[in-house]
C-alpha atoms as a PDB file:
ATOM      1  CA  MET A   1     -14.413  -9.413  12.737  1.00  0.00           C
ATOM      2  CA  ASN A   2     -13.660  -6.121  13.687  1.00  0.00           C
ATOM      3  CA  PHE A   3     -10.738  -4.205  12.383  1.00  0.00           C
ATOM      4  CA  ARG A   4      -9.306  -0.771  12.932  1.00  0.00           C
ATOM      5  CA  ASN A   5      -6.509   1.357  12.217  1.00  0.00           C
ATOM      6  CA  ILE A   6      -3.944   2.361  14.735  1.00  0.00           C
ATOM      7  CA  THR A   7      -3.914   5.623  15.671  1.00  0.00           C
ATOM      8  CA  ASN A   8      -1.160   8.478  16.290  1.00  0.00           C
ATOM      9  CA  ALA A   9      -0.445  10.581  18.758  1.00  0.00           C
ATOM     10  CA  LYS A  10      -2.696  13.225  17.556  1.00  0.00           C
ATOM     11  CA  GLY A  11      -5.652  10.899  17.115  1.00  0.00           C
ATOM     12  CA  LYS A  12      -5.289  10.094  13.176  1.00  0.00           C
ATOM     13  CA  ASN A  13      -5.463   6.960  11.589  1.00  0.00           C
ATOM     14  CA  VAL A  14      -2.026   5.383  10.606  1.00  0.00           C
ATOM     15  CA  PRO A  15      -2.096   3.554   7.052  1.00  0.00           C
ATOM     16  CA  ASN A  16      -1.210   0.195   6.962  1.00  0.00           C
ATOM     17  CA  GLN A  17      -1.163  -0.365  10.613  1.00  0.00           C
ATOM     18  CA  PHE A  18      -4.363  -2.381  11.745  1.00  0.00           C
ATOM     19  CA  VAL A  19      -5.750  -4.042  14.967  1.00  0.00           C
ATOM     20  CA  ILE A  20      -7.994  -7.204  14.387  1.00  0.00           C
ATOM     21  CA  THR A  21     -10.020  -8.384  16.932  1.00  0.00           C
ATOM     22  CA  ILE A  22     -11.820 -12.242  16.182  1.00  0.00           C
ATOM     23  CA  GLY A  23     -13.197 -13.470  19.341  1.00  0.00           C
ATOM     24  CA  ASN A  24     -10.901 -14.063  22.277  1.00  0.00           C
ATOM     25  CA  LYS A  25      -7.972 -13.107  19.724  1.00  0.00           C
ATOM     26  CA  GLU A  26      -6.507  -9.848  19.139  1.00  0.00           C
ATOM     27  CA  TYR A  27      -4.005  -9.032  16.303  1.00  0.00           C
ATOM     28  CA  PHE A  28      -1.559  -6.540  15.219  1.00  0.00           C
ATOM     29  CA  LYS A  29      -1.045  -6.308  11.589  1.00  0.00           C
ATOM     30  CA  SER A  30       1.408  -4.276   9.543  1.00  0.00           C
ATOM     31  CA  TYR A  31       1.258  -3.942   5.701  1.00  0.00           C
ATOM     32  CA  ASP A  32       0.543  -7.522   4.649  1.00  0.00           C
ATOM     33  CA  SER A  33       2.240  -9.073   7.478  1.00  0.00           C
ATOM     34  CA  MET A  34       0.792 -10.224  11.092  1.00  0.00           C
ATOM     35  CA  ILE A  35       3.013  -9.146  13.688  1.00  0.00           C
ATOM     36  CA  VAL A  36       1.236 -10.058  17.089  1.00  0.00           C
ATOM     37  CA  LYS A  37      -1.760 -12.278  17.881  1.00  0.00           C
ATOM     38  CA  ILE A  38      -2.927 -12.344  21.681  1.00  0.00           C
ATOM     39  CA  GLU A  39      -5.019 -15.318  22.504  1.00  0.00           C
ATOM     40  CA  ASN A  40      -6.061 -15.962  25.972  1.00  0.00           C
ATOM     41  CA  GLY A  41      -3.925 -13.677  27.747  1.00  0.00           C
ATOM     42  CA  LYS A  42      -0.587 -15.050  25.673  1.00  0.00           C
ATOM     43  CA  VAL A  43       1.238 -12.890  23.315  1.00  0.00           C
ATOM     44  CA  TYR A  44       2.807 -14.549  20.373  1.00  0.00           C
ATOM     45  CA  LEU A  45       5.241 -12.421  17.627  1.00  0.00           C
ATOM     46  CA  ASP A  46       5.891 -13.314  14.363  1.00  0.00           C
ATOM     47  CA  GLU A  47       9.387 -15.027  14.320  1.00  0.00           C
ATOM     48  CA  THR A  48      10.187 -12.964  11.109  1.00  0.00           C
ATOM     49  CA  TYR A  49       8.560  -9.716  11.225  1.00  0.00           C
ATOM     50  CA  TRP A  50       8.345  -8.774  14.944  1.00  0.00           C
ATOM     51  CA  ASP A  51      11.357  -6.681  14.658  1.00  0.00           C
ATOM     52  CA  TYR A  52      11.399  -5.972  10.673  1.00  0.00           C
ATOM     53  CA  SER A  53      11.312  -2.095  10.588  1.00  0.00           C
ATOM     54  CA  SER A  54      11.256   1.053  12.894  1.00  0.00           C
ATOM     55  CA  THR A  55       7.947   1.564  11.662  1.00  0.00           C
ATOM     56  CA  THR A  56       6.867  -2.070  12.591  1.00  0.00           C
ATOM     57  CA  SER A  57       8.494  -1.593  15.988  1.00  0.00           C
ATOM     58  CA  LYS A  58       6.786   1.611  17.050  1.00  0.00           C
ATOM     59  CA  TYR A  59       3.061   0.648  16.526  1.00  0.00           C
ATOM     60  CA  ARG A  60       4.075  -3.115  17.754  1.00  0.00           C
ATOM     61  CA  ASN A  61       5.431  -1.377  20.822  1.00  0.00           C
ATOM     62  CA  GLN A  62       2.348   1.064  20.997  1.00  0.00           C
ATOM     63  CA  PHE A  63       0.223  -1.791  20.617  1.00  0.00           C
ATOM     64  CA  LEU A  64       1.731  -3.921  23.424  1.00  0.00           C
ATOM     65  CA  GLY A  65       2.658  -1.279  25.724  1.00  0.00           C
ATOM     66  CA  ASP A  66       6.299  -2.078  25.659  1.00  0.00           C
ATOM     67  CA  THR A  67       9.458  -0.900  24.357  1.00  0.00           C
ATOM     68  CA  THR A  68      11.828  -2.866  22.039  1.00  0.00           C
ATOM     69  CA  LYS A  69      13.863  -3.687  25.001  1.00  0.00           C
ATOM     70  CA  GLU A  70      10.980  -4.910  26.888  1.00  0.00           C
ATOM     71  CA  THR A  71       9.576  -7.108  23.983  1.00  0.00           C
ATOM     72  CA  GLN A  72      13.228  -8.601  23.799  1.00  0.00           C
ATOM     73  CA  ARG A  73      13.542  -9.206  27.250  1.00  0.00           C
ATOM     74  CA  LYS A  74      10.052 -10.644  27.322  1.00  0.00           C
ATOM     75  CA  ILE A  75      11.029 -13.117  24.345  1.00  0.00           C
ATOM     76  CA  LYS A  76      14.396 -14.266  25.835  1.00  0.00           C
ATOM     77  CA  SER A  77      12.394 -15.196  29.285  1.00  0.00           C
ATOM     78  CA  GLY A  78       9.547 -16.693  27.383  1.00  0.00           C
ATOM     79  CA  GLU A  79       6.781 -14.877  28.613  1.00  0.00           C
ATOM     80  CA  TYR A  80       6.187 -13.797  24.214  1.00  0.00           C
ATOM     81  CA  ILE A  81       6.470 -16.695  22.355  1.00  0.00           C
ATOM     82  CA  LEU A  82       8.011 -16.342  18.687  1.00  0.00           C
ATOM     83  CA  THR A  83       6.188 -18.392  16.084  1.00  0.00           C
ATOM     84  CA  ASN A  84       5.011 -18.239  12.458  1.00  0.00           C
ATOM     85  CA  LEU A  85       1.886 -15.839  12.242  1.00  0.00           C
ATOM     86  CA  ASN A  86       1.976 -15.729   8.660  1.00  0.00           C
ATOM     87  CA  GLY A  87       1.207 -19.356   8.308  1.00  0.00           C
ATOM     88  CA  GLU A  88      -1.841 -21.157   6.707  1.00  0.00           C
ATOM     89  CA  GLU A  89      -4.370 -20.463   9.651  1.00  0.00           C
ATOM     90  CA  ASP A  90      -3.552 -16.910   9.905  1.00  0.00           C
ATOM     91  CA  ASN A  91      -3.218 -16.029   6.202  1.00  0.00           C
ATOM     92  CA  GLU A  92      -6.988 -17.010   5.936  1.00  0.00           C
ATOM     93  CA  ILE A  93      -7.178 -13.757   8.457  1.00  0.00           C
ATOM     94  CA  ILE A  94      -5.057 -11.704   6.006  1.00  0.00           C
ATOM     95  CA  LYS A  95      -7.291 -12.681   2.887  1.00  0.00           C
ATOM     96  CA  THR A  96     -10.174 -11.885   4.473  1.00  0.00           C
ATOM     97  CA  PHE A  97      -8.671  -8.486   6.081  1.00  0.00           C
ATOM     98  CA  LYS A  98      -7.798  -7.590   2.221  1.00  0.00           C
ATOM     99  CA  PHE A  99     -11.304  -8.255   1.397  1.00  0.00           C
ATOM    100  CA  LEU A 100     -13.121  -6.039   3.901  1.00  0.00           C
ATOM    101  CA  LYS A 101     -10.548  -3.183   3.616  1.00  0.00           C
END
């Protein structure tokens, strides 16, 4: 498992915004919620938290290289999949991450 803070435009770590890599999976986590999972080239967004706040959206956009409008379009087209990323499997990752940080 590898994790790092997202960095801002000045290269400084942004508190509570993380990228977690586990094997072929990469996650974007904001505070205590998983927002994005990329696995085998597919992008999954949490159905509840993907657009939770302007801060979450700002760093989700940075992580994905999209704007919110592009993300919305990709959800509508099926390119991005809405799902529960804060369920049992992903909660194990969150618990492990809390222990490590």
